[in-house]
Structure formats: structure tokens, C-alpha cells
Amino acid sequence: MTDLAYAMGNLGGGGTGGSGDVSFLIMMAVIFGIFYFLLIRPQQKKQKEIKEMLEKLTHGDVVVTSGGIHGKITAITGDVITLEVADKVRIKVSRSFIAAVLEKAGKE
């Protein structure tokens, strides 16, 4: 039984403990780099594009909401946008629920 314990343990004299720590740190840095460039950076870029799109909304733009409602912007008041979804049918939605601009006001 003691032979097994000696076989599993490190009796010193090997001196290889330090190189494992360095390779572990390098591997963790590589994994973090992969996560950053494949997941974090594209998500930040997409959020920036959405923020710019929401800031550039103007009267007359044709938009679609995140719920799938298509309409034309008739009024913008701070965070509330009024959409005309049919003749004389207007709804109010929060600015953050605009998913995409289908047509800008000047391109009619």
C-alpha cells in the first residue's frame, strides 16, 4: 500500500512545478483572447450599431418593432415613438423596441 502512495506522490528533486504554471497562464490568455474576439467584441459592435440606429430615428421613417409591427413614425417624444400602422391608427411604442429601420424618410 505504501508503494502506491510513493508512486502517486512527488518526492521532490523533479523541479518541474514552475513550467506548468507558465503554460497554464499562457493557455488561459489564449482562451480569453478567443472569447474576446469571437464573442465579446462582435456583441459590443452590434450594440453600438443599434444605439446609433435608435438615435438617428426621424419623422417619416418606416420601422419594424421587436414584436413585428410595421409602421411609419409620426412623432418622437423622448423615449416614446408614435407609429402609424394604418390610416388613422396610431400606437405608441418605446424607442428601445424598434428593431430595424426599413426605409428612411428621404427615400420615398
N, C-alpha and C. Protein backbone atom coordinates (compact mmCIF):
# COMPACT_ATOMS: atom_id res chain seq x y z
N MET A 1 0.82 -1.19 0.00
CA MET A 1 0.00 0.00 0.00
C MET A 1 0.86 1.26 0.00
N THR A 2 1.96 1.19 0.74
CA THR A 2 2.83 2.37 0.77
C THR A 2 3.54 2.57 -0.56
N ASP A 3 3.75 1.50 -1.31
CA ASP A 3 4.36 1.65 -2.63
C ASP A 3 3.47 2.49 -3.54
N LEU A 4 2.18 2.30 -3.44
CA LEU A 4 1.23 3.05 -4.25
C LEU A 4 1.25 4.53 -3.87
N ALA A 5 1.34 4.81 -2.57
CA ALA A 5 1.39 6.19 -2.12
C ALA A 5 2.65 6.89 -2.60
N TYR A 6 3.77 6.19 -2.58
CA TYR A 6 5.02 6.78 -3.08
C TYR A 6 4.97 6.99 -4.59
N ALA A 7 4.29 6.12 -5.28
CA ALA A 7 4.20 6.24 -6.73
C ALA A 7 3.35 7.43 -7.14
N MET A 8 2.34 7.76 -6.34
CA MET A 8 1.46 8.87 -6.67
C MET A 8 2.03 10.21 -6.22
N GLY A 9 2.86 10.23 -5.22
CA GLY A 9 3.36 11.47 -4.68
C GLY A 9 4.61 11.95 -5.38
N ASN A 10 4.94 13.25 -5.17
CA ASN A 10 6.15 13.83 -5.72
C ASN A 10 7.17 13.89 -4.59
N LEU A 11 8.25 13.18 -4.74
CA LEU A 11 9.24 13.12 -3.68
C LEU A 11 10.28 14.24 -3.80
N GLY A 12 10.02 15.22 -4.63
CA GLY A 12 10.98 16.31 -4.80
C GLY A 12 12.06 15.91 -5.77
N GLY A 13 12.92 16.84 -6.06
CA GLY A 13 14.02 16.56 -6.95
C GLY A 13 13.63 16.67 -8.42
N GLY A 14 12.34 16.69 -8.72
CA GLY A 14 11.91 16.80 -10.11
C GLY A 14 12.10 18.22 -10.63
N GLY A 15 11.68 19.20 -9.84
CA GLY A 15 11.85 20.60 -10.19
C GLY A 15 11.05 21.05 -11.41
N THR A 16 9.99 20.40 -11.78
CA THR A 16 9.22 20.78 -12.97
C THR A 16 7.92 21.50 -12.62
N GLY A 17 7.75 21.94 -11.41
CA GLY A 17 6.49 22.56 -11.00
C GLY A 17 6.29 23.94 -11.59
N GLY A 18 7.34 24.70 -11.84
CA GLY A 18 7.21 26.07 -12.33
C GLY A 18 6.77 26.16 -13.76
N SER A 19 7.17 25.25 -14.63
CA SER A 19 6.82 25.33 -16.05
C SER A 19 5.33 25.08 -16.28
N GLY A 20 4.71 24.32 -15.43
CA GLY A 20 3.27 24.07 -15.55
C GLY A 20 2.47 25.32 -15.29
N ASP A 21 2.90 26.16 -14.37
CA ASP A 21 2.20 27.40 -14.07
C ASP A 21 2.25 28.36 -15.25
N VAL A 22 3.39 28.47 -15.89
CA VAL A 22 3.55 29.38 -17.02
C VAL A 22 2.70 28.92 -18.20
N SER A 23 2.71 27.63 -18.49
CA SER A 23 1.91 27.13 -19.60
C SER A 23 0.42 27.28 -19.32
N PHE A 24 0.02 27.15 -18.07
CA PHE A 24 -1.39 27.36 -17.70
C PHE A 24 -1.79 28.80 -17.95
N LEU A 25 -0.94 29.75 -17.56
CA LEU A 25 -1.26 31.16 -17.77
C LEU A 25 -1.34 31.51 -19.26
N ILE A 26 -0.43 30.95 -20.04
CA ILE A 26 -0.46 31.19 -21.48
C ILE A 26 -1.74 30.62 -22.08
N MET A 27 -2.12 29.44 -21.69
CA MET A 27 -3.33 28.81 -22.20
C MET A 27 -4.57 29.62 -21.82
N MET A 28 -4.61 30.13 -20.59
CA MET A 28 -5.77 30.93 -20.18
C MET A 28 -5.83 32.24 -20.97
N ALA A 29 -4.68 32.85 -21.26
CA ALA A 29 -4.65 34.08 -22.06
C ALA A 29 -5.15 33.80 -23.48
N VAL A 30 -4.76 32.68 -24.04
CA VAL A 30 -5.22 32.32 -25.39
C VAL A 30 -6.73 32.10 -25.39
N ILE A 31 -7.24 31.41 -24.41
CA ILE A 31 -8.69 31.17 -24.33
C ILE A 31 -9.45 32.48 -24.16
N PHE A 32 -8.94 33.38 -23.32
CA PHE A 32 -9.59 34.69 -23.15
C PHE A 32 -9.58 35.46 -24.46
N GLY A 33 -8.46 35.42 -25.19
CA GLY A 33 -8.37 36.10 -26.48
C GLY A 33 -9.38 35.57 -27.47
N ILE A 34 -9.55 34.27 -27.50
CA ILE A 34 -10.53 33.66 -28.40
C ILE A 34 -11.94 34.11 -28.02
N PHE A 35 -12.28 34.08 -26.74
CA PHE A 35 -13.60 34.54 -26.30
C PHE A 35 -13.81 36.00 -26.64
N TYR A 36 -12.78 36.82 -26.45
CA TYR A 36 -12.92 38.26 -26.72
C TYR A 36 -13.22 38.50 -28.19
N PHE A 37 -12.43 37.90 -29.07
CA PHE A 37 -12.60 38.19 -30.49
C PHE A 37 -13.78 37.48 -31.14
N LEU A 38 -14.25 36.38 -30.58
CA LEU A 38 -15.37 35.67 -31.16
C LEU A 38 -16.72 35.99 -30.52
N LEU A 39 -16.73 36.41 -29.26
CA LEU A 39 -18.00 36.65 -28.58
C LEU A 39 -18.18 38.08 -28.10
N ILE A 40 -17.25 38.59 -27.35
CA ILE A 40 -17.44 39.89 -26.69
C ILE A 40 -17.38 41.05 -27.68
N ARG A 41 -16.35 41.09 -28.52
CA ARG A 41 -16.18 42.21 -29.44
C ARG A 41 -17.33 42.33 -30.45
N PRO A 42 -17.78 41.24 -31.10
CA PRO A 42 -18.91 41.39 -32.02
C PRO A 42 -20.20 41.85 -31.33
N GLN A 43 -20.41 41.41 -30.10
CA GLN A 43 -21.61 41.83 -29.37
C GLN A 43 -21.56 43.33 -29.06
N GLN A 44 -20.40 43.82 -28.66
CA GLN A 44 -20.25 45.26 -28.39
C GLN A 44 -20.47 46.07 -29.66
N LYS A 45 -19.97 45.57 -30.79
CA LYS A 45 -20.13 46.27 -32.06
C LYS A 45 -21.60 46.33 -32.46
N LYS A 46 -22.32 45.22 -32.26
CA LYS A 46 -23.74 45.18 -32.60
C LYS A 46 -24.55 46.14 -31.71
N GLN A 47 -24.23 46.19 -30.42
CA GLN A 47 -24.92 47.10 -29.51
C GLN A 47 -24.67 48.55 -29.91
N LYS A 48 -23.47 48.86 -30.34
CA LYS A 48 -23.14 50.22 -30.77
C LYS A 48 -23.94 50.60 -32.02
N GLU A 49 -24.07 49.67 -32.97
CA GLU A 49 -24.84 49.92 -34.18
C GLU A 49 -26.32 50.14 -33.86
N ILE A 50 -26.87 49.36 -32.96
CA ILE A 50 -28.28 49.51 -32.57
C ILE A 50 -28.50 50.86 -31.90
N LYS A 51 -27.57 51.25 -31.03
CA LYS A 51 -27.69 52.54 -30.35
C LYS A 51 -27.67 53.69 -31.35
N GLU A 52 -26.78 53.63 -32.33
CA GLU A 52 -26.71 54.67 -33.36
C GLU A 52 -27.99 54.71 -34.19
N MET A 53 -28.53 53.53 -34.53
CA MET A 53 -29.77 53.47 -35.31
C MET A 53 -30.92 54.11 -34.55
N LEU A 54 -31.01 53.84 -33.25
CA LEU A 54 -32.09 54.41 -32.44
C LEU A 54 -31.95 55.92 -32.30
N GLU A 55 -30.72 56.42 -32.24
CA GLU A 55 -30.51 57.86 -32.12
C GLU A 55 -30.85 58.60 -33.42
N LYS A 56 -30.73 57.92 -34.56
CA LYS A 56 -30.95 58.56 -35.86
C LYS A 56 -32.38 58.43 -36.37
N LEU A 57 -33.29 57.92 -35.55
CA LEU A 57 -34.68 57.82 -35.98
C LEU A 57 -35.27 59.20 -36.21
N THR A 58 -36.01 59.36 -37.32
CA THR A 58 -36.61 60.66 -37.63
C THR A 58 -38.06 60.46 -38.05
N HIS A 59 -38.76 61.57 -38.10
CA HIS A 59 -40.17 61.59 -38.51
C HIS A 59 -40.26 61.11 -39.96
N GLY A 60 -41.12 60.14 -40.22
CA GLY A 60 -41.32 59.64 -41.57
C GLY A 60 -40.62 58.33 -41.87
N ASP A 61 -39.74 57.86 -40.98
CA ASP A 61 -39.06 56.58 -41.18
C ASP A 61 -40.06 55.43 -41.06
N VAL A 62 -39.90 54.42 -41.90
CA VAL A 62 -40.71 53.21 -41.80
C VAL A 62 -39.88 52.20 -41.01
N VAL A 63 -40.44 51.72 -39.90
CA VAL A 63 -39.70 50.86 -38.98
C VAL A 63 -40.50 49.60 -38.66
N VAL A 64 -39.80 48.64 -38.06
CA VAL A 64 -40.45 47.44 -37.55
C VAL A 64 -40.05 47.32 -36.08
N THR A 65 -41.01 46.96 -35.23
CA THR A 65 -40.72 46.80 -33.81
C THR A 65 -40.23 45.39 -33.54
N SER A 66 -39.74 45.17 -32.34
CA SER A 66 -39.29 43.83 -31.97
C SER A 66 -40.46 42.85 -31.88
N GLY A 67 -41.66 43.35 -31.80
CA GLY A 67 -42.85 42.49 -31.80
C GLY A 67 -43.38 42.20 -33.19
N GLY A 68 -42.75 42.80 -34.21
CA GLY A 68 -43.13 42.54 -35.59
C GLY A 68 -44.13 43.52 -36.18
N ILE A 69 -44.40 44.63 -35.50
CA ILE A 69 -45.35 45.61 -36.01
C ILE A 69 -44.61 46.58 -36.92
N HIS A 70 -45.14 46.75 -38.14
CA HIS A 70 -44.56 47.68 -39.11
C HIS A 70 -45.35 48.97 -39.07
N GLY A 71 -44.65 50.09 -39.12
CA GLY A 71 -45.33 51.37 -39.11
C GLY A 71 -44.42 52.51 -39.50
N LYS A 72 -45.04 53.67 -39.68
CA LYS A 72 -44.33 54.88 -40.06
C LYS A 72 -44.30 55.82 -38.86
N ILE A 73 -43.15 56.38 -38.57
CA ILE A 73 -43.02 57.27 -37.41
C ILE A 73 -43.72 58.58 -37.70
N THR A 74 -44.67 58.93 -36.82
CA THR A 74 -45.37 60.20 -36.97
C THR A 74 -44.96 61.21 -35.91
N ALA A 75 -44.43 60.75 -34.78
CA ALA A 75 -43.99 61.67 -33.73
C ALA A 75 -42.96 60.98 -32.85
N ILE A 76 -42.01 61.79 -32.37
CA ILE A 76 -40.99 61.29 -31.44
C ILE A 76 -40.98 62.24 -30.25
N THR A 77 -41.22 61.68 -29.08
CA THR A 77 -41.20 62.45 -27.84
C THR A 77 -40.32 61.74 -26.83
N GLY A 78 -39.06 62.12 -26.79
CA GLY A 78 -38.14 61.50 -25.85
C GLY A 78 -37.97 60.02 -26.15
N ASP A 79 -38.46 59.18 -25.24
CA ASP A 79 -38.32 57.74 -25.37
C ASP A 79 -39.54 57.08 -26.00
N VAL A 80 -40.57 57.88 -26.30
CA VAL A 80 -41.82 57.34 -26.85
C VAL A 80 -41.93 57.73 -28.32
N ILE A 81 -42.22 56.73 -29.15
CA ILE A 81 -42.36 56.96 -30.58
C ILE A 81 -43.78 56.58 -30.98
N THR A 82 -44.43 57.46 -31.75
CA THR A 82 -45.78 57.19 -32.24
C THR A 82 -45.67 56.65 -33.67
N LEU A 83 -46.24 55.47 -33.87
CA LEU A 83 -46.22 54.83 -35.18
C LEU A 83 -47.61 54.84 -35.78
N GLU A 84 -47.69 55.10 -37.08
CA GLU A 84 -48.96 54.97 -37.79
C GLU A 84 -48.91 53.62 -38.51
N VAL A 85 -49.75 52.69 -38.06
CA VAL A 85 -49.74 51.34 -38.60
C VAL A 85 -50.78 51.15 -39.69
N ALA A 86 -51.77 52.02 -39.76
CA ALA A 86 -52.80 52.02 -40.80
C ALA A 86 -53.35 53.44 -40.86
N ASP A 87 -54.26 53.71 -41.79
CA ASP A 87 -54.84 55.05 -41.87
C ASP A 87 -55.53 55.40 -40.55
N LYS A 88 -55.11 56.46 -39.94
CA LYS A 88 -55.67 56.99 -38.69
C LYS A 88 -55.58 56.01 -37.52
N VAL A 89 -54.66 55.06 -37.60
CA VAL A 89 -54.42 54.13 -36.49
C VAL A 89 -52.99 54.34 -36.02
N ARG A 90 -52.86 54.87 -34.83
CA ARG A 90 -51.54 55.20 -34.29
C ARG A 90 -51.34 54.50 -32.95
N ILE A 91 -50.11 54.01 -32.77
CA ILE A 91 -49.76 53.38 -31.49
C ILE A 91 -48.47 54.02 -30.99
N LYS A 92 -48.31 53.95 -29.69
CA LYS A 92 -47.09 54.47 -29.07
C LYS A 92 -46.25 53.30 -28.60
N VAL A 93 -44.96 53.35 -28.93
CA VAL A 93 -44.03 52.31 -28.51
C VAL A 93 -42.79 52.97 -27.92
N SER A 94 -42.10 52.23 -27.10
CA SER A 94 -40.85 52.71 -26.54
C SER A 94 -39.78 52.66 -27.62
N ARG A 95 -38.88 53.62 -27.60
CA ARG A 95 -37.80 53.71 -28.59
C ARG A 95 -36.95 52.44 -28.59
N SER A 96 -36.75 51.84 -27.44
CA SER A 96 -35.89 50.66 -27.35
C SER A 96 -36.49 49.43 -28.01
N PHE A 97 -37.78 49.45 -28.37
CA PHE A 97 -38.42 48.31 -29.01
C PHE A 97 -38.42 48.40 -30.53
N ILE A 98 -37.76 49.42 -31.08
CA ILE A 98 -37.61 49.49 -32.53
C ILE A 98 -36.48 48.55 -32.92
N ALA A 99 -36.78 47.58 -33.78
CA ALA A 99 -35.80 46.57 -34.14
C ALA A 99 -35.00 46.95 -35.38
N ALA A 100 -35.65 47.60 -36.36
CA ALA A 100 -34.95 47.93 -37.60
C ALA A 100 -35.67 49.07 -38.32
N VAL A 101 -34.88 49.78 -39.10
CA VAL A 101 -35.44 50.81 -39.98
C VAL A 101 -35.52 50.20 -41.36
N LEU A 102 -36.74 50.12 -41.90
CA LEU A 102 -36.93 49.53 -43.22
C LEU A 102 -36.71 50.52 -44.33
N GLU A 103 -37.10 51.78 -44.07
CA GLU A 103 -37.00 52.82 -45.10
C GLU A 103 -36.80 54.15 -44.43
N LYS A 104 -35.77 54.89 -44.84
CA LYS A 104 -35.55 56.22 -44.29
C LYS A 104 -36.54 57.20 -44.88
N ALA A 105 -36.77 58.32 -44.21
CA ALA A 105 -37.79 59.29 -44.60
C ALA A 105 -37.51 59.90 -45.96
N GLY A 106 -36.27 60.16 -46.32
CA GLY A 106 -35.95 60.84 -47.58
C GLY A 106 -35.99 59.95 -48.80
N LYS A 107 -36.11 58.64 -48.65
CA LYS A 107 -36.04 57.70 -49.77
C LYS A 107 -37.41 57.27 -50.28
N GLU A 108 -38.40 58.09 -50.20
CA GLU A 108 -39.72 57.71 -50.65
C GLU A 108 -39.81 57.90 -52.09
